[in-house]
Amino acid sequence: MRRIKENKRTCLSAGAAIMMSVVLGISPVSGFASMAEETFGYFDEMGNWIEESAADPVEVVGEPAAEENIESFETAQAPLTGTYSAGAGWSVDDGASTSEKTVYKQDGYVGTEGTSTISCSYMDTNYSVLEYEQLRDMLTNNLVYSNVNAQISASAVYTNVKDYLYILIVDDTSVDFRSVYCYVVGDYRCFCVEVKEYRTEAEQLRAQEQKTPQEVGQGMAESFVWN
């Protein structure tokens, strides 16, 4: 009888705990569980309270945290490095180069302004190799929007190792140079060769049967190989 009465008392205490938890904004379920754990037991024949141990806690094993399962985009992505052959007769201009791009000028013109340049750099993209047409459209549209007075032409060839290579030419007759952009397509990345070709220099080089800055820059892009 005592045990039955105590069970009733436990239920009443649990009910009071639930009502109190509603008032205090505590979850009734967790409140009931706490009360049940604290009063689990019974009275013996001598009126002594005998406490019984609760069941062993159940360890919940879940999936690892999302950040542990998913590699960051930067880590999963291939590194932005590669190799290429610099054009003969062109040298690195350390003063014009930065950590993000390497600038080349014709031998004898390093350190001078107002001369043709070839700049090599890398860039991230949102396109895989299989999305090369979307990449081409994005690159072309960006040049169209930023060079409203220029004539823009686009062509496509392959590198020596058969990667896609886009060549975009921006020709604004109001200035004394034209810009040539060569993009070697990789997975979510590009190797970029940007040529600033002064018209008079290109004409002089042709007259001397030497390669123009555009031809040298395109040759550098064609020789590129991803690491």
Protein backbone atom coordinates (compact mmCIF):
# COMPACT_ATOMS: atom_id res chain seq x y z
CA MET A 1 0.00 0.00 0.00
CA ARG A 2 2.70 2.43 0.84
CA ARG A 3 4.26 1.96 -2.59
CA ILE A 4 0.98 2.61 -4.33
CA LYS A 5 0.41 5.76 -2.31
CA GLU A 6 3.88 6.99 -3.06
CA ASN A 7 3.31 6.44 -6.79
CA LYS A 8 0.23 8.63 -6.55
CA ARG A 9 2.25 11.22 -4.71
CA THR A 10 4.89 11.09 -7.45
CA CYS A 11 2.27 11.63 -10.13
CA LEU A 12 0.85 14.60 -8.24
CA SER A 13 4.33 16.05 -7.85
CA ALA A 14 4.98 15.57 -11.54
CA GLY A 15 1.69 17.25 -12.39
CA ALA A 16 2.61 20.20 -10.22
CA ALA A 17 5.99 20.36 -11.93
CA ILE A 18 4.31 20.47 -15.32
CA MET A 19 2.03 23.33 -14.24
CA MET A 20 5.00 25.23 -12.78
CA SER A 21 7.02 24.71 -15.97
CA VAL A 22 4.19 26.21 -18.05
CA VAL A 23 4.21 29.29 -15.83
CA LEU A 24 8.01 29.63 -15.96
CA GLY A 25 8.27 28.90 -19.69
CA ILE A 26 10.16 25.60 -19.20
CA SER A 27 9.47 22.56 -21.37
CA PRO A 28 6.87 20.42 -19.51
CA VAL A 29 8.40 17.23 -20.86
CA SER A 30 11.88 17.99 -19.53
CA GLY A 31 10.38 19.17 -16.26
CA PHE A 32 8.51 15.89 -15.85
CA ALA A 33 11.59 13.86 -16.65
CA SER A 34 13.65 15.72 -14.04
CA MET A 35 10.99 15.22 -11.34
CA ALA A 36 10.66 11.52 -12.13
CA GLU A 37 14.39 11.00 -11.86
CA GLU A 38 14.62 12.79 -8.52
CA THR A 39 11.75 10.81 -6.82
CA PHE A 40 12.31 7.35 -8.31
CA GLY A 41 12.00 4.77 -5.41
CA TYR A 42 9.63 3.47 -2.71
CA PHE A 43 9.07 3.17 1.10
CA ASP A 44 9.99 -0.17 2.80
CA GLU A 45 8.03 -1.83 5.63
CA MET A 46 9.79 0.40 8.20
CA GLY A 47 8.85 3.57 6.43
CA ASN A 48 12.31 4.21 5.05
CA TRP A 49 12.67 5.64 1.56
CA ILE A 50 14.50 3.27 -0.79
CA GLU A 51 15.89 4.95 -3.86
CA GLU A 52 16.24 2.90 -7.05
CA SER A 53 18.84 3.72 -9.66
CA ALA A 54 17.54 4.91 -12.99
CA ALA A 55 18.35 3.11 -16.20
CA ASP A 56 21.75 3.77 -17.64
CA PRO A 57 21.73 6.84 -19.86
CA VAL A 58 21.58 6.17 -23.55
CA GLU A 59 24.39 7.67 -25.53
CA VAL A 60 23.11 9.31 -28.68
CA VAL A 61 25.48 8.95 -31.57
CA GLY A 62 24.73 11.25 -34.46
CA GLU A 63 26.38 12.29 -37.67
CA PRO A 64 29.52 14.43 -37.37
CA ALA A 65 28.98 18.16 -37.53
CA ALA A 66 28.40 19.48 -41.02
CA GLU A 67 31.61 21.45 -40.98
CA GLU A 68 33.55 18.24 -40.33
CA ASN A 69 31.95 16.43 -43.28
CA ILE A 70 32.16 19.11 -45.93
CA GLU A 71 35.47 20.24 -47.31
CA SER A 72 35.77 23.96 -47.89
CA PHE A 73 35.55 25.10 -51.51
CA GLU A 74 39.08 26.41 -51.36
CA THR A 75 40.45 23.10 -50.09
CA ALA A 76 38.54 20.94 -52.58
CA GLN A 77 39.47 23.16 -55.47
CA ALA A 78 42.62 22.46 -57.46
CA PRO A 79 45.46 24.93 -56.79
CA LEU A 80 45.83 27.93 -59.07
CA THR A 81 49.29 27.08 -60.37
CA GLY A 82 50.77 26.02 -63.66
CA THR A 83 53.75 26.37 -65.96
CA TYR A 84 54.25 28.18 -69.25
CA SER A 85 57.02 29.36 -71.52
CA ALA A 86 57.85 33.06 -71.59
CA GLY A 87 58.25 34.61 -75.02
CA ALA A 88 61.72 35.08 -76.43
CA GLY A 89 62.87 38.67 -76.12
CA TRP A 90 60.52 39.38 -73.19
CA SER A 91 61.56 39.75 -69.54
CA VAL A 92 59.78 40.11 -66.20
CA ASP A 93 59.30 43.69 -65.03
CA ASP A 94 59.60 43.32 -61.26
CA GLY A 95 58.54 46.91 -60.68
CA ALA A 96 55.24 46.42 -62.50
CA SER A 97 54.58 42.87 -61.23
CA THR A 98 52.62 42.07 -58.06
CA SER A 99 51.91 38.95 -55.98
CA GLU A 100 48.83 38.40 -58.15
CA LYS A 101 50.25 38.95 -61.63
CA THR A 102 53.56 38.75 -63.47
CA VAL A 103 54.22 41.49 -66.02
CA TYR A 104 56.52 41.04 -69.01
CA LYS A 105 58.01 43.71 -71.27
CA GLN A 106 60.29 43.58 -74.27
CA ASP A 107 63.98 43.38 -73.48
CA GLY A 108 65.32 46.91 -73.23
CA TYR A 109 61.94 48.34 -72.15
CA VAL A 110 61.77 46.89 -68.63
CA GLY A 111 61.02 49.64 -66.14
CA THR A 112 59.69 52.06 -68.76
CA GLU A 113 56.11 53.28 -69.22
CA GLY A 114 54.05 53.56 -72.38
CA THR A 115 55.24 50.29 -73.88
CA SER A 116 53.51 47.00 -74.65
CA THR A 117 53.03 44.59 -71.74
CA ILE A 118 52.00 40.97 -71.21
CA SER A 119 50.46 40.17 -67.82
CA CYS A 120 49.94 36.62 -66.54
CA SER A 121 47.59 35.80 -63.66
CA TYR A 122 44.99 33.34 -62.37
CA MET A 123 41.34 33.75 -61.48
CA ASP A 124 38.59 31.69 -59.87
CA THR A 125 35.35 31.12 -61.81
CA ASN A 126 31.97 29.53 -61.16
CA TYR A 127 32.25 27.23 -64.18
CA SER A 128 33.62 23.75 -64.73
CA VAL A 129 35.39 22.69 -67.89
CA LEU A 130 32.10 21.23 -69.16
CA GLU A 131 30.51 24.68 -68.81
CA TYR A 132 33.04 26.35 -71.11
CA GLU A 133 30.31 27.98 -73.24
CA GLN A 134 28.79 29.73 -70.21
CA LEU A 135 32.27 30.88 -69.22
CA ARG A 136 32.88 32.25 -72.71
CA ASP A 137 29.61 34.19 -72.63
CA MET A 138 30.40 35.62 -69.18
CA LEU A 139 33.88 36.76 -70.21
CA THR A 140 32.60 38.30 -73.45
CA ASN A 141 29.69 40.09 -71.81
CA ASN A 142 31.95 41.59 -69.14
CA LEU A 143 34.16 43.10 -71.84
CA VAL A 144 31.18 44.36 -73.84
CA TYR A 145 29.74 46.16 -70.81
CA SER A 146 33.07 47.73 -69.81
CA ASN A 147 34.14 48.76 -73.34
CA VAL A 148 31.05 50.25 -74.94
CA ASN A 149 33.00 52.12 -77.66
CA ALA A 150 35.26 49.25 -78.68
CA GLN A 151 34.95 46.53 -81.26
CA ILE A 152 35.19 43.14 -79.58
CA SER A 153 36.02 39.90 -81.34
CA ALA A 154 36.21 36.40 -79.89
CA SER A 155 37.82 33.18 -81.08
CA ALA A 156 38.66 29.80 -79.58
CA VAL A 157 41.62 27.47 -80.02
CA TYR A 158 43.33 24.76 -77.96
CA THR A 159 46.47 24.88 -75.87
CA ASN A 160 49.30 22.47 -76.64
CA VAL A 161 47.76 20.02 -74.14
CA LYS A 162 44.26 20.45 -75.59
CA ASP A 163 42.72 22.74 -72.96
CA TYR A 164 40.19 25.30 -74.19
CA LEU A 165 41.72 28.70 -74.92
CA TYR A 166 39.54 31.76 -75.54
CA ILE A 167 41.02 34.83 -77.21
CA LEU A 168 39.08 38.09 -76.85
CA ILE A 169 40.29 41.28 -78.55
CA VAL A 170 39.12 44.73 -77.48
CA ASP A 171 39.91 47.32 -80.16
CA ASP A 172 39.03 50.94 -79.44
CA THR A 173 40.35 53.14 -82.26
CA SER A 174 40.27 56.20 -80.03
CA VAL A 175 43.34 54.97 -78.11
CA ASP A 176 46.83 54.03 -79.34
CA PHE A 177 46.75 50.44 -78.11
CA ARG A 178 44.43 47.46 -78.08
CA SER A 179 43.85 44.81 -75.43
CA VAL A 180 44.01 41.07 -76.03
CA TYR A 181 42.76 38.58 -73.41
CA CYS A 182 43.71 34.90 -73.52
CA TYR A 183 41.89 32.57 -71.09
CA VAL A 184 43.00 28.97 -70.55
CA VAL A 185 39.96 27.14 -69.17
CA GLY A 186 40.23 24.90 -66.12
CA ASP A 187 37.78 23.52 -63.57
CA TYR A 188 36.43 26.61 -61.78
CA ARG A 189 39.60 28.51 -62.70
CA CYS A 190 41.36 30.22 -65.57
CA PHE A 191 44.89 31.14 -66.48
CA CYS A 192 44.82 34.65 -67.94
CA VAL A 193 47.24 36.31 -70.31
CA GLU A 194 46.40 39.98 -70.88
CA VAL A 195 48.26 41.79 -73.64
CA LYS A 196 48.40 45.55 -73.97
CA GLU A 197 49.68 46.02 -77.50
CA TYR A 198 50.65 49.47 -78.77
CA ARG A 199 49.85 49.80 -82.44
CA THR A 200 53.13 51.44 -83.50
CA GLU A 201 55.20 48.78 -81.73
CA ALA A 202 53.22 45.98 -83.39
CA GLU A 203 53.78 47.55 -86.81
CA GLN A 204 57.52 47.91 -86.20
CA LEU A 205 57.82 44.29 -85.07
CA ARG A 206 55.95 43.06 -88.14
CA ALA A 207 58.27 45.09 -90.36
CA GLN A 208 61.22 43.40 -88.64
CA GLU A 209 59.54 39.99 -89.10
CA GLN A 210 59.31 39.51 -85.37
CA LYS A 211 56.36 38.36 -83.32
CA THR A 212 53.91 41.02 -82.16
CA PRO A 213 52.94 41.31 -78.46
CA GLN A 214 49.64 39.58 -79.25
CA GLU A 215 51.44 36.65 -80.90
CA VAL A 216 53.87 36.34 -78.00
CA GLY A 217 51.08 36.47 -75.41
CA GLN A 218 48.97 33.90 -77.24
CA GLY A 219 52.02 31.63 -77.50
CA MET A 220 52.51 31.86 -73.72
CA ALA A 221 48.87 30.88 -73.17
CA GLU A 222 49.12 27.99 -75.62
CA SER A 223 52.15 26.62 -73.76
CA PHE A 224 50.38 26.66 -70.38
CA VAL A 225 49.93 23.42 -68.44
CA TRP A 226 48.02 23.14 -65.13
CA ASN A 227 50.00 21.65 -62.24
